[in-house]
Amino acid sequence: MTDDVQRTADLFKVLASPVRVAALLRVDEQPCSVGELADHVGVTHTLMSQHLRVLRMSGLVRSELDGKSRTYHLTDEHVAHILRDAVHHAAEEAPHGN
C-alpha cells in the first residue's frame, strides 16, 4: 500500500464523524469559536472541543486567539471542496447502484 493511499484512508477516518463534517462545513463558511460551532452542530462545548482537537491534529483546521476566545479556520481548501462535492452528491435524489 502506498503512503498516498494510507493518507487518503486516514483523511476519510477523520471525516467519518458527522460532527466533524458539520464543523468543517461551518468553518468553510466563516471562522467560528468552539461555542459557535457547538451551538451550530448541536453538541456540548466539551464534545466540540474534542472533535476540534482531532481536526487540528490532522491539519484540517487551525485556531487563532481572538480576544479571549479561539477562532477556528479551515486550513485545507481541497478538503472543503471534497466535502461540498460529497454533500451535493448525498443530496441528489436519483438512486445510485443496483
C-alpha atoms as a PDB file:
ATOM      1  CA  MET A   1       0.000   0.000   0.000  1.00  0.00           C
ATOM      2  CA  THR A   2       1.373   3.423  -0.893  1.00  0.00           C
ATOM      3  CA  ASP A   3       1.737   6.331   1.506  1.00  0.00           C
ATOM      4  CA  ASP A   4      -0.799   8.303  -0.553  1.00  0.00           C
ATOM      5  CA  VAL A   5      -3.397   5.570  -0.132  1.00  0.00           C
ATOM      6  CA  GLN A   6      -2.774   5.427   3.620  1.00  0.00           C
ATOM      7  CA  ARG A   7      -3.008   9.237   3.968  1.00  0.00           C
ATOM      8  CA  THR A   8      -6.258   9.186   1.998  1.00  0.00           C
ATOM      9  CA  ALA A   9      -7.693   6.477   4.254  1.00  0.00           C
ATOM     10  CA  ASP A  10      -6.594   8.470   7.318  1.00  0.00           C
ATOM     11  CA  LEU A  11      -8.354  11.568   5.955  1.00  0.00           C
ATOM     12  CA  PHE A  12     -11.580   9.636   5.462  1.00  0.00           C
ATOM     13  CA  LYS A  13     -11.327   8.305   9.033  1.00  0.00           C
ATOM     14  CA  VAL A  14     -11.232  11.904  10.280  1.00  0.00           C
ATOM     15  CA  LEU A  15     -14.180  12.783   8.035  1.00  0.00           C
ATOM     16  CA  ALA A  16     -16.205   9.769   9.218  1.00  0.00           C
ATOM     17  CA  SER A  17     -17.782  11.802  12.037  1.00  0.00           C
ATOM     18  CA  PRO A  18     -20.918  13.832  11.223  1.00  0.00           C
ATOM     19  CA  VAL A  19     -19.917  16.315  13.944  1.00  0.00           C
ATOM     20  CA  ARG A  20     -16.536  16.929  12.309  1.00  0.00           C
ATOM     21  CA  VAL A  21     -18.058  17.195   8.830  1.00  0.00           C
ATOM     22  CA  ALA A  22     -20.609  19.739  10.070  1.00  0.00           C
ATOM     23  CA  ALA A  23     -17.884  21.721  11.848  1.00  0.00           C
ATOM     24  CA  LEU A  24     -15.676  21.757   8.752  1.00  0.00           C
ATOM     25  CA  LEU A  25     -18.531  22.898   6.539  1.00  0.00           C
ATOM     26  CA  ARG A  26     -19.279  25.696   9.006  1.00  0.00           C
ATOM     27  CA  VAL A  27     -15.687  26.960   9.280  1.00  0.00           C
ATOM     28  CA  ASP A  28     -15.506  26.805   5.496  1.00  0.00           C
ATOM     29  CA  GLU A  29     -18.239  29.470   5.504  1.00  0.00           C
ATOM     30  CA  GLN A  30     -16.686  31.590   8.262  1.00  0.00           C
ATOM     31  CA  PRO A  31     -14.249  31.249  11.166  1.00  0.00           C
ATOM     32  CA  CYS A  32     -16.026  30.224  14.381  1.00  0.00           C
ATOM     33  CA  SER A  33     -15.394  29.784  18.088  1.00  0.00           C
ATOM     34  CA  VAL A  34     -15.920  26.490  19.899  1.00  0.00           C
ATOM     35  CA  GLY A  35     -19.204  27.795  21.285  1.00  0.00           C
ATOM     36  CA  GLU A  36     -20.487  28.907  17.891  1.00  0.00           C
ATOM     37  CA  LEU A  37     -19.619  25.541  16.370  1.00  0.00           C
ATOM     38  CA  ALA A  38     -21.135  23.600  19.270  1.00  0.00           C
ATOM     39  CA  ASP A  39     -24.365  25.580  19.019  1.00  0.00           C
ATOM     40  CA  HIS A  40     -24.486  25.226  15.232  1.00  0.00           C
ATOM     41  CA  VAL A  41     -23.927  21.464  15.324  1.00  0.00           C
ATOM     42  CA  GLY A  42     -25.991  20.839  18.457  1.00  0.00           C
ATOM     43  CA  VAL A  43     -23.360  19.311  20.737  1.00  0.00           C
ATOM     44  CA  THR A  44     -21.754  20.350  24.013  1.00  0.00           C
ATOM     45  CA  HIS A  45     -18.743  22.642  24.044  1.00  0.00           C
ATOM     46  CA  THR A  46     -16.679  19.826  25.547  1.00  0.00           C
ATOM     47  CA  LEU A  47     -17.582  17.409  22.762  1.00  0.00           C
ATOM     48  CA  MET A  48     -16.902  20.037  20.093  1.00  0.00           C
ATOM     49  CA  SER A  49     -13.509  20.767  21.660  1.00  0.00           C
ATOM     50  CA  GLN A  50     -12.641  17.072  21.427  1.00  0.00           C
ATOM     51  CA  HIS A  51     -13.597  16.965  17.750  1.00  0.00           C
ATOM     52  CA  LEU A  52     -11.690  20.178  17.031  1.00  0.00           C
ATOM     53  CA  ARG A  53      -8.612  18.618  18.616  1.00  0.00           C
ATOM     54  CA  VAL A  54      -8.824  15.756  16.099  1.00  0.00           C
ATOM     55  CA  LEU A  55      -9.272  18.250  13.247  1.00  0.00           C
ATOM     56  CA  ARG A  56      -6.307  20.331  14.457  1.00  0.00           C
ATOM     57  CA  MET A  57      -4.081  17.275  14.837  1.00  0.00           C
ATOM     58  CA  SER A  58      -4.967  16.191  11.304  1.00  0.00           C
ATOM     59  CA  GLY A  59      -4.123  19.655   9.980  1.00  0.00           C
ATOM     60  CA  LEU A  60      -7.624  20.442   8.705  1.00  0.00           C
ATOM     61  CA  VAL A  61      -8.246  23.426  10.984  1.00  0.00           C
ATOM     62  CA  ARG A  62      -6.113  25.940  12.814  1.00  0.00           C
ATOM     63  CA  SER A  63      -7.017  28.164  15.719  1.00  0.00           C
ATOM     64  CA  GLU A  64      -6.227  31.799  16.376  1.00  0.00           C
ATOM     65  CA  LEU A  65      -6.601  33.677  19.613  1.00  0.00           C
ATOM     66  CA  ASP A  66      -9.287  36.302  19.078  1.00  0.00           C
ATOM     67  CA  GLY A  67      -9.510  38.362  22.241  1.00  0.00           C
ATOM     68  CA  LYS A  68     -10.346  35.873  24.975  1.00  0.00           C
ATOM     69  CA  SER A  69     -11.578  33.082  22.713  1.00  0.00           C
ATOM     70  CA  ARG A  70     -10.118  30.921  19.978  1.00  0.00           C
ATOM     71  CA  THR A  71     -11.434  31.122  16.458  1.00  0.00           C
ATOM     72  CA  TYR A  72     -11.152  28.100  14.184  1.00  0.00           C
ATOM     73  CA  HIS A  73     -10.319  28.364  10.494  1.00  0.00           C
ATOM     74  CA  LEU A  74     -10.237  25.800   7.707  1.00  0.00           C
ATOM     75  CA  THR A  75      -6.679  25.197   6.528  1.00  0.00           C
ATOM     76  CA  ASP A  76      -7.217  22.981   3.504  1.00  0.00           C
ATOM     77  CA  GLU A  77      -9.388  24.204   0.635  1.00  0.00           C
ATOM     78  CA  HIS A  78      -9.053  20.786  -1.040  1.00  0.00           C
ATOM     79  CA  VAL A  79     -10.906  19.180   1.860  1.00  0.00           C
ATOM     80  CA  ALA A  80     -13.603  21.861   1.685  1.00  0.00           C
ATOM     81  CA  HIS A  81     -14.059  21.040  -1.995  1.00  0.00           C
ATOM     82  CA  ILE A  82     -14.302  17.307  -1.244  1.00  0.00           C
ATOM     83  CA  LEU A  83     -16.894  17.969   1.475  1.00  0.00           C
ATOM     84  CA  ARG A  84     -19.010  20.251  -0.704  1.00  0.00           C
ATOM     85  CA  ASP A  85     -18.968  17.668  -3.501  1.00  0.00           C
ATOM     86  CA  ALA A  86     -19.885  14.879  -1.067  1.00  0.00           C
ATOM     87  CA  VAL A  87     -22.787  16.878   0.381  1.00  0.00           C
ATOM     88  CA  HIS A  88     -24.010  17.683  -3.120  1.00  0.00           C
ATOM     89  CA  HIS A  89     -23.727  14.022  -4.107  1.00  0.00           C
ATOM     90  CA  ALA A  90     -25.574  12.843  -0.972  1.00  0.00           C
ATOM     91  CA  ALA A  91     -28.369  15.336  -1.631  1.00  0.00           C
ATOM     92  CA  GLU A  92     -29.045  14.079  -5.154  1.00  0.00           C
ATOM     93  CA  GLU A  93     -32.457  12.480  -5.404  1.00  0.00           C
ATOM     94  CA  ALA A  94     -31.613   9.930  -8.088  1.00  0.00           C
ATOM     95  CA  PRO A  95     -30.875   6.486  -6.604  1.00  0.00           C
ATOM     96  CA  HIS A  96     -27.416   5.050  -7.207  1.00  0.00           C
ATOM     97  CA  GLY A  97     -26.230   1.498  -7.541  1.00  0.00           C
ATOM     98  CA  ASN A  98     -28.236  -1.665  -8.180  1.00  0.00           C
END
